[in-house]
Amino acid sequence: MAGATGCPAILSVQVEVVEPLHIPSAFTPNGDGLNDEWLITNAVFFPFCNVAIYNRWGELVFYSVGYARAWDGTYRQVPGEAGVYSYQIETGPGVHNATYRGKLTFLR
């Protein structure tokens, strides 16, 4: 590529590849060792993310900044009710800022 003066010009672009979040649509916290926590894959790449989970009445049952601890289906240290919950995940500040909303099925 030549510049305005006819001299070679070099342009470099830095590309940051970030793995996308994988947000499961269901989990089964029944103590069998399989899917006992709602694990959001790649949340570690978003250290300032906010994760909020609401029951069917809109009550906040889980909240985490950074998602260092996955939700195990408890609310106030008591096993939660099976059913459909809503979630909102904000990935945090920066160029990768995004908000994800959806439904989560909690099975026993």
Protein backbone atom coordinates (compact mmCIF):
# COMPACT_ATOMS: atom_id res chain seq x y z
CA MET A 1 0.00 0.00 0.00
CA ALA A 2 1.46 3.38 -0.92
CA GLY A 3 0.91 6.60 1.04
CA ALA A 4 0.14 10.06 -0.41
CA THR A 5 3.84 10.65 -1.13
CA GLY A 6 4.21 7.32 -2.92
CA CYS A 7 6.16 5.82 -0.03
CA PRO A 8 5.08 2.51 1.44
CA ALA A 9 2.60 2.83 4.31
CA ILE A 10 2.03 0.18 6.94
CA LEU A 11 -1.12 -0.17 8.97
CA SER A 12 -1.52 -2.57 11.85
CA VAL A 13 -4.72 -3.57 13.59
CA GLN A 14 -4.89 -5.31 16.94
CA VAL A 15 -7.64 -7.90 17.13
CA GLU A 16 -8.82 -9.23 20.49
CA VAL A 17 -10.70 -12.50 20.30
CA VAL A 18 -13.06 -13.06 23.21
CA GLU A 19 -14.84 -16.35 23.65
CA PRO A 20 -18.61 -15.87 23.75
CA LEU A 21 -20.66 -16.70 26.81
CA HIS A 22 -22.40 -20.05 26.79
CA ILE A 23 -25.56 -19.62 28.84
CA PRO A 24 -27.32 -22.90 29.64
CA SER A 25 -31.11 -22.91 29.45
CA ALA A 26 -31.57 -25.48 32.25
CA PHE A 27 -29.88 -27.15 35.18
CA THR A 28 -30.73 -29.81 37.77
CA PRO A 29 -29.42 -29.05 41.27
CA ASN A 30 -30.44 -32.41 42.71
CA GLY A 31 -27.10 -33.51 44.18
CA ASP A 32 -26.28 -36.19 41.59
CA GLY A 33 -23.06 -34.43 40.52
CA LEU A 34 -24.38 -33.57 37.03
CA ASN A 35 -25.53 -30.02 36.22
CA ASP A 36 -25.89 -29.19 39.93
CA GLU A 37 -24.84 -25.59 39.28
CA TRP A 38 -25.81 -23.11 36.59
CA LEU A 39 -22.39 -22.75 34.97
CA ILE A 40 -21.97 -19.88 32.52
CA THR A 41 -19.04 -20.96 30.38
CA ASN A 42 -16.44 -18.26 29.66
CA ALA A 43 -17.75 -15.88 32.33
CA VAL A 44 -14.13 -15.71 33.52
CA PHE A 45 -13.39 -13.52 30.47
CA PHE A 46 -15.82 -10.92 31.86
CA PRO A 47 -14.52 -10.27 35.40
CA PHE A 48 -16.92 -7.36 35.99
CA CYS A 49 -20.07 -9.02 34.68
CA ASN A 50 -23.28 -8.78 36.70
CA VAL A 51 -25.50 -11.85 36.88
CA ALA A 52 -29.03 -11.54 38.27
CA ILE A 53 -31.62 -14.31 38.53
CA TYR A 54 -35.29 -13.66 39.31
CA ASN A 55 -38.11 -16.00 40.27
CA ARG A 56 -41.51 -15.92 38.57
CA TRP A 57 -42.67 -13.11 40.87
CA GLY A 58 -39.73 -10.91 39.87
CA GLU A 59 -37.93 -11.36 43.18
CA LEU A 60 -34.12 -11.35 42.96
CA VAL A 61 -32.95 -14.80 44.11
CA PHE A 62 -29.28 -14.63 43.06
CA TYR A 63 -26.86 -11.82 42.26
CA SER A 64 -23.16 -11.94 41.54
CA VAL A 65 -20.51 -9.54 40.31
CA GLY A 66 -17.87 -11.42 38.34
CA TYR A 67 -19.67 -14.77 38.65
CA ALA A 68 -16.91 -16.27 40.76
CA ARG A 69 -19.51 -18.58 42.30
CA ALA A 70 -22.07 -20.35 40.12
CA TRP A 71 -25.71 -20.45 41.25
CA ASP A 72 -26.52 -23.73 42.99
CA GLY A 73 -30.28 -23.23 43.01
CA THR A 74 -30.54 -22.01 46.59
CA TYR A 75 -32.22 -18.87 47.85
CA ARG A 76 -31.38 -17.69 51.38
CA GLN A 77 -29.55 -21.01 51.92
CA VAL A 78 -32.72 -22.98 51.15
CA PRO A 79 -33.15 -25.11 47.99
CA GLY A 80 -35.20 -23.17 45.47
CA GLU A 81 -38.39 -24.29 43.82
CA ALA A 82 -38.30 -26.03 40.46
CA GLY A 83 -39.64 -23.86 37.66
CA VAL A 84 -38.72 -21.17 35.17
CA TYR A 85 -36.56 -18.25 36.26
CA SER A 86 -35.45 -15.14 34.38
CA TYR A 87 -31.88 -13.98 34.15
CA GLN A 88 -30.03 -10.86 33.12
CA ILE A 89 -26.30 -10.84 32.47
CA GLU A 90 -24.39 -7.62 31.83
CA THR A 91 -20.85 -8.36 30.66
CA GLY A 92 -19.46 -5.13 32.08
CA PRO A 93 -17.66 -2.03 30.88
CA GLY A 94 -15.51 -1.91 27.78
CA VAL A 95 -15.82 -2.70 24.12
CA HIS A 96 -17.41 -6.08 24.81
CA ASN A 97 -20.27 -4.64 26.85
CA ALA A 98 -23.48 -6.56 26.21
CA THR A 99 -26.67 -7.47 28.06
CA TYR A 100 -28.20 -10.93 27.83
CA ARG A 101 -31.71 -11.74 29.03
CA GLY A 102 -33.50 -15.04 28.96
CA LYS A 103 -35.24 -17.86 30.76
CA LEU A 104 -33.70 -20.61 32.84
CA THR A 105 -35.45 -23.87 33.68
CA PHE A 106 -34.68 -25.26 37.11
CA LEU A 107 -35.45 -28.99 37.35
CA ARG A 108 -35.22 -31.26 40.41
